[in-house]
N, C-alpha and C. Protein backbone atom coordinates (compact mmCIF):
# COMPACT_ATOMS: atom_id res chain seq x y z
N UNK A 1 10.40 36.35 -23.58
CA UNK A 1 11.49 36.15 -24.50
C UNK A 1 11.44 34.69 -24.96
N UNK A 2 11.56 34.51 -26.25
CA UNK A 2 11.51 33.17 -26.81
C UNK A 2 12.81 32.42 -26.53
N UNK A 3 12.73 31.12 -26.62
CA UNK A 3 13.89 30.27 -26.37
C UNK A 3 15.02 30.63 -27.34
N UNK A 4 14.69 30.89 -28.60
CA UNK A 4 15.71 31.23 -29.59
C UNK A 4 16.41 32.54 -29.23
N UNK A 5 15.64 33.50 -28.71
CA UNK A 5 16.23 34.78 -28.30
C UNK A 5 17.19 34.57 -27.14
N UNK A 6 16.79 33.75 -26.16
CA UNK A 6 17.67 33.47 -25.03
C UNK A 6 18.97 32.81 -25.49
N UNK A 7 18.86 31.87 -26.42
CA UNK A 7 20.05 31.20 -26.94
C UNK A 7 20.95 32.19 -27.67
N UNK A 8 20.35 33.08 -28.45
CA UNK A 8 21.13 34.07 -29.19
C UNK A 8 21.83 35.03 -28.24
N UNK A 9 21.12 35.49 -27.21
CA UNK A 9 21.74 36.38 -26.23
C UNK A 9 22.88 35.66 -25.51
N UNK A 10 22.67 34.40 -25.15
CA UNK A 10 23.71 33.64 -24.47
C UNK A 10 24.95 33.51 -25.34
N UNK A 11 24.76 33.21 -26.60
CA UNK A 11 25.88 33.10 -27.52
C UNK A 11 26.61 34.44 -27.65
N UNK A 12 25.86 35.52 -27.80
CA UNK A 12 26.47 36.84 -27.93
C UNK A 12 27.23 37.24 -26.67
N UNK A 13 26.71 36.89 -25.50
CA UNK A 13 27.38 37.22 -24.24
C UNK A 13 28.74 36.55 -24.17
N UNK A 14 28.83 35.30 -24.61
CA UNK A 14 30.11 34.59 -24.53
C UNK A 14 31.16 35.19 -25.44
N UNK A 15 30.76 35.92 -26.48
CA UNK A 15 31.70 36.48 -27.44
C UNK A 15 31.88 37.99 -27.29
N UNK A 16 31.20 38.63 -26.32
CA UNK A 16 31.13 40.09 -26.24
C UNK A 16 32.25 40.69 -25.40
N UNK A 17 32.64 41.91 -25.80
CA UNK A 17 33.54 42.69 -24.95
C UNK A 17 32.68 43.49 -23.97
N UNK A 18 33.31 44.28 -23.12
CA UNK A 18 32.58 44.96 -22.05
C UNK A 18 31.51 45.92 -22.59
N UNK A 19 31.79 46.62 -23.67
CA UNK A 19 30.80 47.55 -24.23
C UNK A 19 29.65 46.80 -24.88
N UNK A 20 29.96 45.71 -25.56
CA UNK A 20 28.91 44.92 -26.18
C UNK A 20 27.99 44.29 -25.13
N UNK A 21 28.52 44.00 -23.95
CA UNK A 21 27.67 43.47 -22.88
C UNK A 21 26.61 44.48 -22.47
N UNK A 22 26.97 45.76 -22.45
CA UNK A 22 25.98 46.80 -22.13
C UNK A 22 24.92 46.86 -23.22
N UNK A 23 25.33 46.76 -24.48
CA UNK A 23 24.37 46.75 -25.59
C UNK A 23 23.41 45.57 -25.44
N UNK A 24 23.94 44.41 -25.10
CA UNK A 24 23.12 43.22 -24.92
C UNK A 24 22.12 43.42 -23.78
N UNK A 25 22.57 44.03 -22.68
CA UNK A 25 21.65 44.31 -21.57
C UNK A 25 20.52 45.23 -22.01
N UNK A 26 20.86 46.27 -22.78
CA UNK A 26 19.82 47.16 -23.30
C UNK A 26 18.84 46.39 -24.19
N UNK A 27 19.35 45.55 -25.06
CA UNK A 27 18.47 44.79 -25.96
C UNK A 27 17.59 43.81 -25.19
N UNK A 28 18.15 43.18 -24.16
CA UNK A 28 17.35 42.29 -23.33
C UNK A 28 16.25 43.07 -22.61
N UNK A 29 16.59 44.25 -22.09
CA UNK A 29 15.61 45.10 -21.42
C UNK A 29 14.48 45.46 -22.38
N UNK A 30 14.82 45.85 -23.60
CA UNK A 30 13.79 46.20 -24.59
C UNK A 30 12.93 44.98 -24.93
N UNK A 31 13.54 43.82 -24.99
CA UNK A 31 12.80 42.60 -25.28
C UNK A 31 11.81 42.28 -24.14
N UNK A 32 12.24 42.45 -22.90
CA UNK A 32 11.34 42.21 -21.77
C UNK A 32 10.23 43.25 -21.71
N UNK A 33 10.52 44.49 -22.09
CA UNK A 33 9.47 45.51 -22.15
C UNK A 33 8.42 45.12 -23.19
N UNK A 34 8.87 44.60 -24.32
CA UNK A 34 7.95 44.14 -25.36
C UNK A 34 7.10 42.99 -24.84
N UNK A 35 7.72 42.05 -24.13
CA UNK A 35 6.97 40.93 -23.55
C UNK A 35 5.91 41.43 -22.58
N UNK A 36 6.26 42.41 -21.75
CA UNK A 36 5.30 42.96 -20.78
C UNK A 36 4.15 43.66 -21.50
N UNK A 37 4.48 44.42 -22.54
CA UNK A 37 3.42 45.12 -23.29
C UNK A 37 2.50 44.13 -23.98
N UNK A 38 3.07 43.06 -24.53
CA UNK A 38 2.24 42.04 -25.18
C UNK A 38 1.33 41.35 -24.18
N UNK A 39 1.82 41.10 -22.97
CA UNK A 39 1.00 40.47 -21.94
C UNK A 39 -0.16 41.38 -21.55
N UNK A 40 0.08 42.69 -21.56
CA UNK A 40 -1.00 43.64 -21.21
C UNK A 40 -2.01 43.79 -22.34
N UNK A 41 -1.59 43.60 -23.57
CA UNK A 41 -2.47 43.84 -24.71
C UNK A 41 -3.40 42.69 -25.01
N UNK A 42 -3.25 41.58 -24.32
CA UNK A 42 -4.15 40.46 -24.53
C UNK A 42 -5.55 40.85 -24.06
N UNK A 43 -6.41 41.17 -25.01
CA UNK A 43 -7.77 41.64 -24.68
C UNK A 43 -8.73 40.49 -24.42
N UNK A 44 -8.66 39.48 -25.26
CA UNK A 44 -9.60 38.36 -25.14
C UNK A 44 -8.94 37.25 -24.33
N UNK A 45 -9.06 37.36 -23.03
CA UNK A 45 -8.44 36.39 -22.13
C UNK A 45 -9.51 35.43 -21.63
N UNK A 46 -9.34 34.13 -21.87
CA UNK A 46 -10.30 33.17 -21.34
C UNK A 46 -10.30 33.21 -19.81
N UNK A 47 -11.40 32.75 -19.22
CA UNK A 47 -11.59 32.79 -17.77
C UNK A 47 -10.38 32.27 -17.00
N UNK A 48 -9.89 31.09 -17.31
CA UNK A 48 -8.84 30.46 -16.53
C UNK A 48 -7.45 31.02 -16.74
N UNK A 49 -7.20 31.77 -17.83
CA UNK A 49 -5.84 32.18 -18.13
C UNK A 49 -5.54 33.63 -17.75
N UNK A 50 -6.46 34.32 -17.13
CA UNK A 50 -6.21 35.70 -16.72
C UNK A 50 -5.05 35.76 -15.75
N UNK A 51 -5.00 34.82 -14.85
CA UNK A 51 -3.91 34.76 -13.88
C UNK A 51 -2.58 34.47 -14.58
N UNK A 52 -2.62 33.62 -15.61
CA UNK A 52 -1.40 33.29 -16.35
C UNK A 52 -0.84 34.51 -17.07
N UNK A 53 -1.73 35.32 -17.70
CA UNK A 53 -1.27 36.53 -18.37
C UNK A 53 -0.70 37.53 -17.37
N UNK A 54 -1.33 37.61 -16.21
CA UNK A 54 -0.84 38.49 -15.16
C UNK A 54 0.54 38.04 -14.71
N UNK A 55 0.73 36.73 -14.62
CA UNK A 55 2.03 36.19 -14.24
C UNK A 55 3.08 36.47 -15.31
N UNK A 56 2.71 36.35 -16.59
CA UNK A 56 3.63 36.66 -17.68
C UNK A 56 4.06 38.12 -17.62
N UNK A 57 3.10 39.00 -17.34
CA UNK A 57 3.41 40.43 -17.23
C UNK A 57 4.37 40.67 -16.07
N UNK A 58 4.06 40.12 -14.92
CA UNK A 58 4.92 40.31 -13.74
C UNK A 58 6.32 39.75 -13.96
N UNK A 59 6.40 38.61 -14.61
CA UNK A 59 7.71 37.99 -14.87
C UNK A 59 8.53 38.86 -15.83
N UNK A 60 7.89 39.39 -16.86
CA UNK A 60 8.61 40.27 -17.80
C UNK A 60 9.08 41.54 -17.10
N UNK A 61 8.24 42.10 -16.23
CA UNK A 61 8.62 43.30 -15.48
C UNK A 61 9.76 42.98 -14.53
N UNK A 62 9.72 41.83 -13.88
CA UNK A 62 10.78 41.43 -12.96
C UNK A 62 12.12 41.31 -13.70
N UNK A 63 12.08 40.70 -14.88
CA UNK A 63 13.31 40.54 -15.65
C UNK A 63 13.81 41.88 -16.20
N UNK A 64 12.90 42.75 -16.59
CA UNK A 64 13.31 44.09 -17.04
C UNK A 64 13.97 44.84 -15.88
N UNK A 65 13.39 44.71 -14.69
CA UNK A 65 13.99 45.35 -13.50
C UNK A 65 15.38 44.78 -13.24
N UNK A 66 15.56 43.49 -13.44
CA UNK A 66 16.86 42.87 -13.27
C UNK A 66 17.89 43.44 -14.24
N UNK A 67 17.49 43.69 -15.48
CA UNK A 67 18.40 44.30 -16.46
C UNK A 67 18.77 45.71 -16.03
N UNK A 68 17.79 46.47 -15.57
CA UNK A 68 18.09 47.84 -15.10
C UNK A 68 19.01 47.81 -13.89
N UNK A 69 18.78 46.89 -12.97
CA UNK A 69 19.65 46.77 -11.80
C UNK A 69 21.08 46.43 -12.21
N UNK A 70 21.22 45.55 -13.17
CA UNK A 70 22.56 45.18 -13.65
C UNK A 70 23.24 46.38 -14.33
N UNK A 71 22.47 47.15 -15.09
CA UNK A 71 23.04 48.35 -15.70
C UNK A 71 23.50 49.34 -14.63
N UNK A 72 22.71 49.47 -13.56
CA UNK A 72 23.08 50.40 -12.49
C UNK A 72 24.33 49.94 -11.75
N UNK A 73 24.44 48.65 -11.48
CA UNK A 73 25.60 48.17 -10.74
C UNK A 73 26.86 48.18 -11.58
N UNK A 74 26.72 48.25 -12.90
CA UNK A 74 27.91 48.28 -13.76
C UNK A 74 28.50 49.68 -13.89
N UNK A 75 27.81 50.67 -13.36
CA UNK A 75 28.31 52.05 -13.47
C UNK A 75 29.45 52.31 -12.48
N UNK A 76 30.45 53.04 -12.93
CA UNK A 76 31.51 53.54 -12.05
C UNK A 76 31.25 55.03 -11.88
N UNK A 77 30.67 55.40 -10.76
CA UNK A 77 30.18 56.77 -10.56
C UNK A 77 31.28 57.81 -10.47
N UNK A 78 32.54 57.39 -10.49
CA UNK A 78 33.64 58.35 -10.49
C UNK A 78 33.80 59.04 -11.84
N UNK A 79 33.25 58.42 -12.90
CA UNK A 79 33.46 58.92 -14.25
C UNK A 79 32.16 59.42 -14.85
N UNK A 80 32.30 60.43 -15.70
CA UNK A 80 31.14 60.92 -16.45
C UNK A 80 30.87 59.97 -17.60
N UNK A 81 29.70 59.79 -18.04
CA UNK A 81 28.40 60.32 -17.62
C UNK A 81 27.66 59.39 -16.68
N UNK A 82 28.38 58.63 -15.86
CA UNK A 82 27.75 57.64 -14.98
C UNK A 82 26.67 58.23 -14.06
N UNK A 83 26.89 59.40 -13.43
CA UNK A 83 25.82 59.93 -12.57
C UNK A 83 24.53 60.24 -13.34
N UNK A 84 24.67 60.74 -14.56
CA UNK A 84 23.47 61.01 -15.37
C UNK A 84 22.78 59.72 -15.79
N UNK A 85 23.59 58.71 -16.13
CA UNK A 85 22.99 57.42 -16.48
C UNK A 85 22.28 56.82 -15.28
N UNK A 86 22.85 56.98 -14.09
CA UNK A 86 22.21 56.47 -12.87
C UNK A 86 20.84 57.12 -12.68
N UNK A 87 20.76 58.42 -12.90
CA UNK A 87 19.47 59.11 -12.78
C UNK A 87 18.47 58.59 -13.80
N UNK A 88 18.93 58.34 -15.03
CA UNK A 88 18.02 57.78 -16.04
C UNK A 88 17.55 56.39 -15.66
N UNK A 89 18.45 55.57 -15.16
CA UNK A 89 18.07 54.21 -14.76
C UNK A 89 17.09 54.23 -13.59
N UNK A 90 17.32 55.13 -12.63
CA UNK A 90 16.40 55.26 -11.50
C UNK A 90 15.03 55.73 -11.96
N UNK A 91 15.00 56.66 -12.92
CA UNK A 91 13.74 57.09 -13.52
C UNK A 91 13.03 55.89 -14.14
N UNK A 92 13.77 55.06 -14.88
CA UNK A 92 13.18 53.89 -15.51
C UNK A 92 12.65 52.89 -14.48
N UNK A 93 13.37 52.72 -13.38
CA UNK A 93 12.90 51.82 -12.32
C UNK A 93 11.58 52.33 -11.74
N UNK A 94 11.49 53.64 -11.51
CA UNK A 94 10.25 54.21 -10.97
C UNK A 94 9.10 54.05 -11.96
N UNK A 95 9.37 54.29 -13.25
CA UNK A 95 8.31 54.16 -14.26
C UNK A 95 7.89 52.70 -14.40
N UNK A 96 8.84 51.80 -14.26
CA UNK A 96 8.53 50.38 -14.33
C UNK A 96 7.63 49.97 -13.17
N UNK A 97 7.91 50.50 -11.99
CA UNK A 97 7.07 50.21 -10.81
C UNK A 97 5.65 50.75 -11.02
N UNK A 98 5.55 51.97 -11.55
CA UNK A 98 4.22 52.53 -11.83
C UNK A 98 3.48 51.71 -12.89
N UNK A 99 4.20 51.31 -13.93
CA UNK A 99 3.58 50.50 -14.98
C UNK A 99 3.09 49.17 -14.44
N UNK A 100 3.85 48.59 -13.53
CA UNK A 100 3.45 47.32 -12.94
C UNK A 100 2.25 47.51 -12.02
N UNK A 101 2.29 48.54 -11.19
CA UNK A 101 1.20 48.77 -10.25
C UNK A 101 -0.11 49.11 -10.96
N UNK A 102 -0.02 49.93 -12.00
CA UNK A 102 -1.23 50.37 -12.71
C UNK A 102 -1.56 49.51 -13.92
N UNK A 103 -0.65 48.57 -14.24
CA UNK A 103 -0.83 47.72 -15.42
C UNK A 103 -1.11 48.58 -16.64
N UNK A 104 -0.22 49.56 -16.85
CA UNK A 104 -0.37 50.55 -17.92
C UNK A 104 0.87 50.54 -18.79
N UNK A 105 0.70 50.26 -20.07
CA UNK A 105 1.84 50.16 -20.97
C UNK A 105 2.44 51.51 -21.35
N UNK A 106 1.76 52.61 -21.03
CA UNK A 106 2.33 53.93 -21.33
C UNK A 106 3.62 54.15 -20.56
N UNK A 107 3.69 53.65 -19.34
CA UNK A 107 4.91 53.78 -18.55
C UNK A 107 6.04 52.96 -19.16
N UNK A 108 5.69 51.80 -19.70
CA UNK A 108 6.70 50.97 -20.35
C UNK A 108 7.22 51.64 -21.62
N UNK A 109 6.34 52.34 -22.31
CA UNK A 109 6.75 53.06 -23.52
C UNK A 109 7.68 54.22 -23.18
N UNK A 110 7.47 54.86 -22.04
CA UNK A 110 8.38 55.93 -21.60
C UNK A 110 9.78 55.37 -21.39
N UNK A 111 9.87 54.20 -20.80
CA UNK A 111 11.16 53.56 -20.58
C UNK A 111 11.83 53.26 -21.91
N UNK A 112 11.04 52.76 -22.84
CA UNK A 112 11.57 52.45 -24.18
C UNK A 112 12.15 53.70 -24.84
N UNK A 113 11.47 54.85 -24.67
CA UNK A 113 11.96 56.09 -25.28
C UNK A 113 13.27 56.56 -24.64
N UNK A 114 13.53 56.16 -23.42
CA UNK A 114 14.80 56.51 -22.77
C UNK A 114 15.90 55.52 -23.19
N UNK A 115 15.58 54.24 -23.25
CA UNK A 115 16.58 53.20 -23.45
C UNK A 115 17.02 53.07 -24.91
N UNK A 116 16.11 53.21 -25.87
CA UNK A 116 16.48 53.01 -27.27
C UNK A 116 17.61 53.93 -27.74
N UNK A 117 17.57 55.24 -27.43
CA UNK A 117 18.71 56.07 -27.85
C UNK A 117 20.02 55.68 -27.16
N UNK A 118 19.93 55.28 -25.90
CA UNK A 118 21.13 54.84 -25.19
C UNK A 118 21.71 53.58 -25.84
N UNK A 119 20.83 52.66 -26.21
CA UNK A 119 21.28 51.43 -26.88
C UNK A 119 21.96 51.77 -28.20
N UNK A 120 21.39 52.70 -28.95
CA UNK A 120 22.00 53.11 -30.21
C UNK A 120 23.37 53.73 -30.02
N UNK A 121 23.50 54.57 -29.00
CA UNK A 121 24.78 55.20 -28.71
C UNK A 121 25.82 54.16 -28.32
N UNK A 122 25.43 53.21 -27.49
CA UNK A 122 26.37 52.17 -27.08
C UNK A 122 26.72 51.23 -28.23
N UNK A 123 25.81 51.03 -29.18
CA UNK A 123 26.14 50.23 -30.36
C UNK A 123 27.27 50.89 -31.15
N UNK A 124 27.19 52.21 -31.29
CA UNK A 124 28.25 52.94 -31.99
C UNK A 124 29.57 52.84 -31.24
N UNK A 125 29.51 52.99 -29.93
CA UNK A 125 30.72 52.90 -29.11
C UNK A 125 31.30 51.48 -29.17
N UNK A 126 30.44 50.48 -29.18
CA UNK A 126 30.90 49.09 -29.20
C UNK A 126 31.71 48.81 -30.46
N UNK A 127 31.36 49.44 -31.56
CA UNK A 127 32.12 49.26 -32.79
C UNK A 127 33.53 49.81 -32.69
N UNK A 128 33.74 50.76 -31.80
CA UNK A 128 35.06 51.36 -31.62
C UNK A 128 35.90 50.65 -30.57
N UNK A 129 35.28 49.80 -29.77
CA UNK A 129 35.99 49.09 -28.71
C UNK A 129 36.68 47.87 -29.31
N UNK A 130 37.99 47.88 -29.33
CA UNK A 130 38.75 46.78 -29.94
C UNK A 130 39.18 45.73 -28.92
N UNK A 131 38.72 45.86 -27.70
CA UNK A 131 39.07 44.87 -26.66
C UNK A 131 38.45 43.53 -27.02
N UNK A 132 39.08 42.49 -26.58
CA UNK A 132 38.58 41.14 -26.84
C UNK A 132 37.40 40.81 -25.96
N UNK A 133 36.85 39.62 -26.13
CA UNK A 133 35.71 39.20 -25.32
C UNK A 133 36.06 39.13 -23.84
N UNK A 134 35.08 39.41 -23.00
CA UNK A 134 35.25 39.32 -21.56
C UNK A 134 35.50 37.86 -21.17
N UNK A 135 34.80 36.96 -21.80
CA UNK A 135 34.96 35.53 -21.53
C UNK A 135 35.99 34.98 -22.51
N UNK A 136 37.21 34.89 -22.07
CA UNK A 136 38.30 34.44 -22.96
C UNK A 136 38.33 32.95 -23.17
N UNK A 137 37.71 32.21 -22.33
CA UNK A 137 37.84 30.76 -22.37
C UNK A 137 36.50 30.09 -22.63
N UNK A 138 35.70 30.65 -23.52
CA UNK A 138 34.38 30.09 -23.81
C UNK A 138 34.45 29.21 -25.06
N UNK A 139 33.38 28.48 -25.29
CA UNK A 139 33.31 27.61 -26.45
C UNK A 139 33.25 28.45 -27.73
N UNK A 140 33.84 27.91 -28.77
CA UNK A 140 33.75 28.54 -30.08
C UNK A 140 32.58 27.92 -30.81
N UNK A 141 31.74 28.77 -31.41
CA UNK A 141 30.56 28.29 -32.11
C UNK A 141 30.71 28.62 -33.59
N UNK A 142 30.53 27.61 -34.41
CA UNK A 142 30.58 27.79 -35.86
C UNK A 142 29.18 27.51 -36.39
N UNK A 143 28.68 28.39 -37.23
CA UNK A 143 27.34 28.20 -37.80
C UNK A 143 27.47 28.10 -39.31
N UNK A 144 26.66 27.25 -39.92
CA UNK A 144 26.69 27.12 -41.37
C UNK A 144 25.63 26.16 -41.84
N UNK A 145 25.46 26.10 -43.14
CA UNK A 145 24.49 25.18 -43.71
C UNK A 145 25.04 23.76 -43.67
N UNK A 146 24.20 22.83 -43.30
CA UNK A 146 24.61 21.43 -43.24
C UNK A 146 24.22 20.76 -44.55
N UNK A 147 24.42 19.44 -44.60
CA UNK A 147 24.03 18.68 -45.78
C UNK A 147 22.53 18.52 -45.89
N UNK A 148 21.83 18.87 -44.81
CA UNK A 148 20.37 18.78 -44.84
C UNK A 148 19.79 19.82 -45.77
N UNK A 149 18.53 19.78 -45.92
CA UNK A 149 17.85 20.66 -46.84
C UNK A 149 17.70 22.04 -46.21
N UNK A 150 18.64 22.95 -46.50
CA UNK A 150 18.60 24.35 -46.05
C UNK A 150 18.41 24.51 -44.55
N UNK A 151 19.01 23.65 -43.77
CA UNK A 151 18.91 23.78 -42.32
C UNK A 151 20.19 24.38 -41.78
N UNK A 152 20.06 25.19 -40.76
CA UNK A 152 21.20 25.83 -40.13
C UNK A 152 21.51 25.10 -38.84
N UNK A 153 22.75 24.76 -38.66
CA UNK A 153 23.15 24.07 -37.44
C UNK A 153 24.34 24.77 -36.83
N UNK A 154 24.49 24.66 -35.52
CA UNK A 154 25.62 25.25 -34.82
C UNK A 154 26.45 24.12 -34.24
N UNK A 155 27.74 24.16 -34.51
CA UNK A 155 28.65 23.15 -34.00
C UNK A 155 29.53 23.77 -32.94
N UNK A 156 29.66 23.10 -31.82
CA UNK A 156 30.51 23.58 -30.73
C UNK A 156 31.87 22.91 -30.86
N UNK A 157 32.92 23.71 -30.74
CA UNK A 157 34.28 23.19 -30.75
C UNK A 157 34.90 23.40 -29.38
N UNK A 158 35.86 22.60 -29.03
CA UNK A 158 36.59 22.74 -27.77
C UNK A 158 35.64 22.72 -26.59
N UNK A 159 34.99 21.59 -26.37
CA UNK A 159 34.02 21.48 -25.30
C UNK A 159 34.65 20.95 -24.02
N UNK A 160 35.82 21.45 -23.71
CA UNK A 160 36.51 21.05 -22.49
C UNK A 160 35.79 21.56 -21.26
N UNK A 161 36.24 21.11 -20.09
CA UNK A 161 35.58 21.50 -18.85
C UNK A 161 36.11 22.81 -18.31
N UNK A 162 37.20 23.33 -18.82
CA UNK A 162 37.79 24.56 -18.33
C UNK A 162 37.34 25.74 -19.19
N UNK A 163 36.10 26.19 -18.97
CA UNK A 163 35.54 27.28 -19.76
C UNK A 163 35.13 28.42 -18.85
N UNK A 164 34.95 29.61 -19.43
CA UNK A 164 34.44 30.74 -18.67
C UNK A 164 35.44 31.87 -18.58
N UNK A 165 35.27 32.72 -17.61
CA UNK A 165 36.11 33.88 -17.45
C UNK A 165 37.44 33.47 -16.81
N UNK A 166 38.51 33.91 -17.43
CA UNK A 166 39.83 33.64 -16.87
C UNK A 166 40.26 34.83 -16.03
N UNK A 167 40.85 34.57 -14.90
CA UNK A 167 41.30 35.65 -14.02
C UNK A 167 42.58 36.27 -14.53
């Protein structure tokens, strides 16, 4: 994941409600799957960097597993369709382990085929959720064109020390 993507996800997390957080987790998972697939597709690897590509693949898989674990822990199994989602997430964890062990992107693609429709469904649901952001006390970010030549800058307002989730 690129630095810009991490910054964008961080910004979105600070402004997201509970449903949007699930959408963000799905998008992060898909991004890490893409990173893992790209690390596997590097065909012309110089002698010294084979280990580095292997490390990039393992790191992307580890982070994808972290997203899946977070999705699983966010489920409340008392309500439907949480048990079915748990089974899908466990399937994805097993496929991710096989993909990592065999270094085969087909397993990663199977996960993508499961997660993309779920992400789309949660995007629709997120539009209907009128709850405010989970983080009520976060910084406000304003973005706009500056006086510079077509450059975009982000200005932070209210940079006090009392930020984050309010109880």
